């Protein structure tokens, strides 16, 4: 879901839980610890993000990161 629906993240846990139709508590208590220990998911200040290992596990291409200077600004 994070890879296909949210482009790999960052995404809030509530949004993921809503998309999967499960409670956020279930996601945080039962699913997230496994993904964190397996190094498939990281928590950042902006939300959860998939790691390159997660993309490899899913058989998907790892998205390229854009250098900060190439991102549009507020007024672009």
PDB file of N, CA and C in Angstrom:
ATOM      1  N   UNK A   1       0.819  -1.195   0.000  1.00  0.00           N
ATOM      2  CA  UNK A   1       0.000   0.000   0.000  1.00  0.00           C
ATOM      3  C   UNK A   1       0.861   1.255   0.000  1.00  0.00           C
ATOM      4  N   UNK A   2       1.878   1.294   0.843  1.00  0.00           N
ATOM      5  CA  UNK A   2       2.726   2.489   0.886  1.00  0.00           C
ATOM      6  C   UNK A   2       3.434   2.671  -0.450  1.00  0.00           C
ATOM      7  N   UNK A   3       3.864   1.587  -1.069  1.00  0.00           N
ATOM      8  CA  UNK A   3       4.569   1.692  -2.351  1.00  0.00           C
ATOM      9  C   UNK A   3       3.637   2.139  -3.466  1.00  0.00           C
ATOM     10  N   UNK A   4       2.488   1.517  -3.569  1.00  0.00           N
ATOM     11  CA  UNK A   4       1.610   1.784  -4.710  1.00  0.00           C
ATOM     12  C   UNK A   4       0.695   2.985  -4.504  1.00  0.00           C
ATOM     13  N   UNK A   5       0.124   3.117  -3.342  1.00  0.00           N
ATOM     14  CA  UNK A   5      -0.843   4.194  -3.104  1.00  0.00           C
ATOM     15  C   UNK A   5      -0.154   5.502  -2.735  1.00  0.00           C
ATOM     16  N   UNK A   6       0.904   5.405  -1.924  1.00  0.00           N
ATOM     17  CA  UNK A   6       1.538   6.611  -1.399  1.00  0.00           C
ATOM     18  C   UNK A   6       2.932   6.863  -1.964  1.00  0.00           C
ATOM     19  N   UNK A   7       3.316   6.179  -3.012  1.00  0.00           N
ATOM     20  CA  UNK A   7       4.597   6.427  -3.666  1.00  0.00           C
ATOM     21  C   UNK A   7       5.805   6.180  -2.780  1.00  0.00           C
ATOM     22  N   UNK A   8       5.687   5.306  -1.806  1.00  0.00           N
ATOM     23  CA  UNK A   8       6.808   4.980  -0.936  1.00  0.00           C
ATOM     24  C   UNK A   8       6.891   5.816   0.321  1.00  0.00           C
ATOM     25  N   UNK A   9       6.066   6.852   0.404  1.00  0.00           N
ATOM     26  CA  UNK A   9       6.041   7.689   1.608  1.00  0.00           C
ATOM     27  C   UNK A   9       6.844   8.951   1.430  1.00  0.00           C
ATOM     28  N   UNK A  10       6.898   9.778   2.410  1.00  0.00           N
ATOM     29  CA  UNK A  10       6.389   9.567   3.758  1.00  0.00           C
ATOM     30  C   UNK A  10       4.867   9.683   3.817  1.00  0.00           C
ATOM     31  N   UNK A  11       4.310   8.898   4.710  1.00  0.00           N
ATOM     32  CA  UNK A  11       2.858   8.871   4.883  1.00  0.00           C
ATOM     33  C   UNK A  11       2.550   8.628   6.356  1.00  0.00           C
ATOM     34  N   UNK A  12       1.480   9.218   6.815  1.00  0.00           N
ATOM     35  CA  UNK A  12       1.070   9.048   8.202  1.00  0.00           C
ATOM     36  C   UNK A  12       0.441   7.693   8.444  1.00  0.00           C
ATOM     37  N   UNK A  13       0.606   7.206   9.656  1.00  0.00           N
ATOM     38  CA  UNK A  13       0.086   5.887  10.006  1.00  0.00           C
ATOM     39  C   UNK A  13      -1.439   5.843   9.910  1.00  0.00           C
ATOM     40  N   UNK A  14      -2.104   6.938  10.201  1.00  0.00           N
ATOM     41  CA  UNK A  14      -3.572   6.975  10.102  1.00  0.00           C
ATOM     42  C   UNK A  14      -4.025   6.778   8.655  1.00  0.00           C
ATOM     43  N   UNK A  15      -3.319   7.376   7.710  1.00  0.00           N
ATOM     44  CA  UNK A  15      -3.676   7.235   6.298  1.00  0.00           C
ATOM     45  C   UNK A  15      -3.503   5.793   5.832  1.00  0.00           C
ATOM     46  N   UNK A  16      -2.421   5.163   6.248  1.00  0.00           N
ATOM     47  CA  UNK A  16      -2.192   3.761   5.875  1.00  0.00           C
ATOM     48  C   UNK A  16      -3.268   2.874   6.491  1.00  0.00           C
ATOM     49  N   UNK A  17      -3.557   3.089   7.761  1.00  0.00           N
ATOM     50  CA  UNK A  17      -4.574   2.286   8.445  1.00  0.00           C
ATOM     51  C   UNK A  17      -5.932   2.438   7.770  1.00  0.00           C
ATOM     52  N   UNK A  18      -6.283   3.648   7.416  1.00  0.00           N
ATOM     53  CA  UNK A  18      -7.568   3.888   6.747  1.00  0.00           C
ATOM     54  C   UNK A  18      -7.620   3.182   5.395  1.00  0.00           C
ATOM     55  N   UNK A  19      -6.536   3.246   4.644  1.00  0.00           N
ATOM     56  CA  UNK A  19      -6.482   2.602   3.336  1.00  0.00           C
ATOM     57  C   UNK A  19      -6.626   1.084   3.459  1.00  0.00           C
ATOM     58  N   UNK A  20      -6.020   0.509   4.499  1.00  0.00           N
ATOM     59  CA  UNK A  20      -6.085  -0.939   4.705  1.00  0.00           C
ATOM     60  C   UNK A  20      -7.334  -1.384   5.459  1.00  0.00           C
ATOM     61  N   UNK A  21      -8.111  -0.412   5.931  1.00  0.00           N
ATOM     62  CA  UNK A  21      -9.330  -0.676   6.687  1.00  0.00           C
ATOM     63  C   UNK A  21      -9.047  -1.456   7.976  1.00  0.00           C
ATOM     64  N   UNK A  22      -7.973  -1.053   8.677  1.00  0.00           N
ATOM     65  CA  UNK A  22      -7.669  -1.599   9.993  1.00  0.00           C
ATOM     66  C   UNK A  22      -7.438  -0.430  10.938  1.00  0.00           C
ATOM     67  N   UNK A  23      -7.454  -0.706  12.215  1.00  0.00           N
ATOM     68  CA  UNK A  23      -7.241   0.382  13.171  1.00  0.00           C
ATOM     69  C   UNK A  23      -5.769   0.773  13.198  1.00  0.00           C
ATOM     70  N   UNK A  24      -5.516   2.032  13.468  1.00  0.00           N
ATOM     71  CA  UNK A  24      -4.140   2.514  13.567  1.00  0.00           C
ATOM     72  C   UNK A  24      -3.410   1.803  14.701  1.00  0.00           C
ATOM     73  N   UNK A  25      -4.112   1.501  15.792  1.00  0.00           N
ATOM     74  CA  UNK A  25      -3.489   0.790  16.915  1.00  0.00           C
ATOM     75  C   UNK A  25      -3.003  -0.595  16.497  1.00  0.00           C
ATOM     76  N   UNK A  26      -3.798  -1.303  15.708  1.00  0.00           N
ATOM     77  CA  UNK A  26      -3.392  -2.619  15.215  1.00  0.00           C
ATOM     78  C   UNK A  26      -2.162  -2.493  14.339  1.00  0.00           C
ATOM     79  N   UNK A  27      -2.153  -1.519  13.472  1.00  0.00           N
ATOM     80  CA  UNK A  27      -1.015  -1.303  12.587  1.00  0.00           C
ATOM     81  C   UNK A  27       0.245  -0.988  13.394  1.00  0.00           C
ATOM     82  N   UNK A  28       0.129  -0.101  14.364  1.00  0.00           N
ATOM     83  CA  UNK A  28       1.280   0.314  15.176  1.00  0.00           C
ATOM     84  C   UNK A  28       1.767  -0.823  16.074  1.00  0.00           C
ATOM     85  N   UNK A  29       0.847  -1.565  16.678  1.00  0.00           N
ATOM     86  CA  UNK A  29       1.221  -2.586  17.661  1.00  0.00           C
ATOM     87  C   UNK A  29       1.626  -3.924  17.057  1.00  0.00           C
ATOM     88  N   UNK A  30       1.051  -4.290  15.905  1.00  0.00           N
ATOM     89  CA  UNK A  30       1.274  -5.632  15.379  1.00  0.00           C
ATOM     90  C   UNK A  30       2.058  -5.675  14.069  1.00  0.00           C
ATOM     91  N   UNK A  31       1.828  -4.741  13.182  1.00  0.00           N
ATOM     92  CA  UNK A  31       2.451  -4.800  11.860  1.00  0.00           C
ATOM     93  C   UNK A  31       3.762  -4.016  11.820  1.00  0.00           C
ATOM     94  N   UNK A  32       3.723  -2.788  12.302  1.00  0.00           N
ATOM     95  CA  UNK A  32       4.886  -1.905  12.199  1.00  0.00           C
ATOM     96  C   UNK A  32       6.150  -2.453  12.879  1.00  0.00           C
ATOM     97  N   UNK A  33       6.074  -3.048  14.076  1.00  0.00           N
ATOM     98  CA  UNK A  33       7.308  -3.566  14.692  1.00  0.00           C
ATOM     99  C   UNK A  33       8.030  -4.594  13.817  1.00  0.00           C
ATOM    100  N   UNK A  34       7.280  -5.468  13.169  1.00  0.00           N
ATOM    101  CA  UNK A  34       7.890  -6.458  12.283  1.00  0.00           C
ATOM    102  C   UNK A  34       8.587  -5.778  11.103  1.00  0.00           C
ATOM    103  N   UNK A  35       7.913  -4.806  10.497  1.00  0.00           N
ATOM    104  CA  UNK A  35       8.494  -4.113   9.343  1.00  0.00           C
ATOM    105  C   UNK A  35       9.729  -3.312   9.740  1.00  0.00           C
ATOM    106  N   UNK A  36       9.722  -2.725  10.932  1.00  0.00           N
ATOM    107  CA  UNK A  36      10.889  -1.982  11.417  1.00  0.00           C
ATOM    108  C   UNK A  36      12.058  -2.923  11.693  1.00  0.00           C
ATOM    109  N   UNK A  37      11.801  -4.044  12.369  1.00  0.00           N
ATOM    110  CA  UNK A  37      12.873  -5.018  12.658  1.00  0.00           C
ATOM    111  C   UNK A  37      13.441  -5.615  11.381  1.00  0.00           C
ATOM    112  N   UNK A  38      12.603  -5.790  10.382  1.00  0.00           N
ATOM    113  CA  UNK A  38      13.035  -6.356   9.099  1.00  0.00           C
ATOM    114  C   UNK A  38      13.705  -5.318   8.211  1.00  0.00           C
ATOM    115  N   UNK A  39      13.770  -4.087   8.687  1.00  0.00           N
ATOM    116  CA  UNK A  39      14.360  -2.959   7.950  1.00  0.00           C
ATOM    117  C   UNK A  39      13.677  -2.721   6.607  1.00  0.00           C
ATOM    118  N   UNK A  40      12.358  -2.924   6.585  1.00  0.00           N
ATOM    119  CA  UNK A  40      11.569  -2.653   5.394  1.00  0.00           C
ATOM    120  C   UNK A  40      10.874  -1.301   5.482  1.00  0.00           C
ATOM    121  N   UNK A  41      10.843  -0.725   6.670  1.00  0.00           N
ATOM    122  CA  UNK A  41      10.137   0.525   6.927  1.00  0.00           C
ATOM    123  C   UNK A  41      10.964   1.367   7.883  1.00  0.00           C
ATOM    124  N   UNK A  42      10.941   2.680   7.675  1.00  0.00           N
ATOM    125  CA  UNK A  42      11.558   3.598   8.629  1.00  0.00           C
ATOM    126  C   UNK A  42      10.532   4.642   9.031  1.00  0.00           C
ATOM    127  N   UNK A  43      10.697   5.153  10.236  1.00  0.00           N
ATOM    128  CA  UNK A  43       9.855   6.251  10.710  1.00  0.00           C
ATOM    129  C   UNK A  43      10.665   7.527  10.608  1.00  0.00           C
ATOM    130  N   UNK A  44      10.084   8.521   9.976  1.00  0.00           N
ATOM    131  CA  UNK A  44      10.725   9.828   9.872  1.00  0.00           C
ATOM    132  C   UNK A  44       9.791  10.851  10.511  1.00  0.00           C
ATOM    133  N   UNK A  45      10.275  12.060  10.744  1.00  0.00           N
ATOM    134  CA  UNK A  45       9.391  13.087  11.308  1.00  0.00           C
ATOM    135  C   UNK A  45       8.163  13.362  10.438  1.00  0.00           C
ATOM    136  N   UNK A  46       8.263  13.086   9.138  1.00  0.00           N
ATOM    137  CA  UNK A  46       7.152  13.347   8.220  1.00  0.00           C
ATOM    138  C   UNK A  46       6.237  12.147   8.032  1.00  0.00           C
ATOM    139  N   UNK A  47       6.613  10.969   8.548  1.00  0.00           N
ATOM    140  CA  UNK A  47       5.781   9.782   8.405  1.00  0.00           C
ATOM    141  C   UNK A  47       6.596   8.544   8.103  1.00  0.00           C
ATOM    142  N   UNK A  48       5.908   7.470   7.757  1.00  0.00           N
ATOM    143  CA  UNK A  48       6.571   6.201   7.459  1.00  0.00           C
ATOM    144  C   UNK A  48       7.018   6.181   6.009  1.00  0.00           C
ATOM    145  N   UNK A  49       8.204   5.578   5.777  1.00  0.00           N
ATOM    146  CA  UNK A  49       8.752   5.470   4.424  1.00  0.00           C
ATOM    147  C   UNK A  49       9.272   4.057   4.210  1.00  0.00           C
ATOM    148  N   UNK A  50       9.168   3.588   2.982  1.00  0.00           N
ATOM    149  CA  UNK A  50       9.734   2.295   2.634  1.00  0.00           C
ATOM    150  C   UNK A  50      11.229   2.431   2.414  1.00  0.00           C
ATOM    151  N   UNK A  51      11.961   1.374   2.736  1.00  0.00           N
ATOM    152  CA  UNK A  51      13.397   1.344   2.478  1.00  0.00           C
ATOM    153  C   UNK A  51      13.640   0.701   1.114  1.00  0.00           C
ATOM    154  N   UNK A  52      14.870   0.786   0.648  1.00  0.00           N
ATOM    155  CA  UNK A  52      15.199   0.139  -0.624  1.00  0.00           C
ATOM    156  C   UNK A  52      15.044  -1.376  -0.498  1.00  0.00           C
ATOM    157  N   UNK A  53      15.282  -1.925   0.699  1.00  0.00           N
ATOM    158  CA  UNK A  53      15.086  -3.365   0.911  1.00  0.00           C
ATOM    159  C   UNK A  53      13.620  -3.755   0.713  1.00  0.00           C
ATOM    160  N   UNK A  54      12.704  -2.881   1.087  1.00  0.00           N
ATOM    161  CA  UNK A  54      11.277  -3.155   0.891  1.00  0.00           C
ATOM    162  C   UNK A  54      10.941  -3.232  -0.594  1.00  0.00           C
ATOM    163  N   UNK A  55      11.478  -2.294  -1.374  1.00  0.00           N
ATOM    164  CA  UNK A  55      11.226  -2.321  -2.814  1.00  0.00           C
ATOM    165  C   UNK A  55      11.795  -3.594  -3.434  1.00  0.00           C
ATOM    166  N   UNK A  56      13.003  -3.979  -3.017  1.00  0.00           N
ATOM    167  CA  UNK A  56      13.608  -5.202  -3.546  1.00  0.00           C
ATOM    168  C   UNK A  56      12.772  -6.421  -3.161  1.00  0.00           C
ATOM    169  N   UNK A  57      12.290  -6.464  -1.934  1.00  0.00           N
ATOM    170  CA  UNK A  57      11.459  -7.579  -1.467  1.00  0.00           C
ATOM    171  C   UNK A  57      10.166  -7.683  -2.284  1.00  0.00           C
ATOM    172  N   UNK A  58       9.599  -6.544  -2.648  1.00  0.00           N
ATOM    173  CA  UNK A  58       8.360  -6.521  -3.424  1.00  0.00           C
ATOM    174  C   UNK A  58       8.593  -6.692  -4.921  1.00  0.00           C
ATOM    175  N   UNK A  59       9.853  -6.687  -5.337  1.00  0.00           N
ATOM    176  CA  UNK A  59      10.165  -6.815  -6.754  1.00  0.00           C
ATOM    177  C   UNK A  59       9.884  -5.553  -7.543  1.00  0.00           C
ATOM    178  N   UNK A  60       9.952  -4.409  -6.868  1.00  0.00           N
ATOM    179  CA  UNK A  60       9.705  -3.118  -7.505  1.00  0.00           C
ATOM    180  C   UNK A  60      11.004  -2.343  -7.640  1.00  0.00           C
ATOM    181  N   UNK A  61      11.032  -1.440  -8.588  1.00  0.00           N
ATOM    182  CA  UNK A  61      12.207  -0.583  -8.746  1.00  0.00           C
ATOM    183  C   UNK A  61      12.227   0.466  -7.637  1.00  0.00           C
ATOM    184  N   UNK A  62      13.410   0.707  -7.101  1.00  0.00           N
ATOM    185  CA  UNK A  62      13.575   1.731  -6.071  1.00  0.00           C
ATOM    186  C   UNK A  62      13.478   3.089  -6.747  1.00  0.00           C
ATOM    187  N   UNK A  63      12.578   3.975  -6.278  1.00  0.00           N
ATOM    188  CA  UNK A  63      12.457   5.292  -6.913  1.00  0.00           C
ATOM    189  C   UNK A  63      13.713   6.125  -6.703  1.00  0.00           C
ATOM    190  N   UNK A  64      14.024   6.910  -7.702  1.00  0.00           N
ATOM    191  CA  UNK A  64      15.169   7.827  -7.621  1.00  0.00           C
ATOM    192  C   UNK A  64      14.825   8.988  -6.724  1.00  0.00           C
ATOM    193  N   UNK A  65      15.759   9.401  -5.914  1.00  0.00           N
ATOM    194  CA  UNK A  65      15.568  10.601  -5.098  1.00  0.00           C
ATOM    195  C   UNK A  65      16.039  11.804  -5.886  1.00  0.00           C
ATOM    196  N   UNK A  66      15.263  12.870  -5.823  1.00  0.00           N
ATOM    197  CA  UNK A  66      15.658  14.101  -6.493  1.00  0.00           C
ATOM    198  C   UNK A  66      16.552  14.908  -5.573  1.00  0.00           C
ATOM    199  N   UNK A  67      17.615  15.519  -6.117  1.00  0.00           N
ATOM    200  CA  UNK A  67      18.416  16.420  -5.300  1.00  0.00           C
ATOM    201  C   UNK A  67      17.554  17.579  -4.811  1.00  0.00           C
ATOM    202  N   UNK A  68      17.803  18.094  -3.601  1.00  0.00           N
ATOM    203  CA  UNK A  68      16.953  19.151  -3.052  1.00  0.00           C
ATOM    204  C   UNK A  68      16.796  20.364  -3.957  1.00  0.00           C
ATOM    205  N   UNK A  69      17.794  20.700  -4.748  1.00  0.00           N
ATOM    206  CA  UNK A  69      17.715  21.869  -5.618  1.00  0.00           C
ATOM    207  C   UNK A  69      16.743  21.710  -6.770  1.00  0.00           C
ATOM    208  N   UNK A  70      16.353  20.490  -7.094  1.00  0.00           N
ATOM    209  CA  UNK A  70      15.460  20.252  -8.228  1.00  0.00           C
ATOM    210  C   UNK A  70      13.989  20.239  -7.842  1.00  0.00           C
ATOM    211  N   UNK A  71      13.701  20.350  -6.573  1.00  0.00           N
ATOM    212  CA  UNK A  71      12.307  20.346  -6.141  1.00  0.00           C
ATOM    213  C   UNK A  71      11.694  21.721  -6.340  1.00  0.00           C
ATOM    214  N   UNK A  72      10.422  21.763  -6.759  1.00  0.00           N
ATOM    215  CA  UNK A  72       9.777  23.071  -6.916  1.00  0.00           C
ATOM    216  C   UNK A  72       9.600  23.752  -5.564  1.00  0.00           C
ATOM    217  N   UNK A  73       9.657  25.055  -5.584  1.00  0.00           N
ATOM    218  CA  UNK A  73       9.443  25.817  -4.361  1.00  0.00           C
ATOM    219  C   UNK A  73       7.975  26.194  -4.259  1.00  0.00           C
ATOM    220  N   UNK A  74       7.627  26.863  -3.209  1.00  0.00           N
ATOM    221  CA  UNK A  74       6.244  27.240  -2.963  1.00  0.00           C
ATOM    222  C   UNK A  74       5.660  28.064  -4.102  1.00  0.00           C
ATOM    223  N   UNK A  75       6.464  28.920  -4.728  1.00  0.00           N
ATOM    224  CA  UNK A  75       5.945  29.839  -5.743  1.00  0.00           C
ATOM    225  C   UNK A  75       6.249  29.410  -7.172  1.00  0.00           C
ATOM    226  N   UNK A  76       6.725  28.183  -7.383  1.00  0.00           N
ATOM    227  CA  UNK A  76       6.980  27.695  -8.750  1.00  0.00           C
ATOM    228  C   UNK A  76       5.699  27.240  -9.407  1.00  0.00           C
TER     229      UNK A  76
END
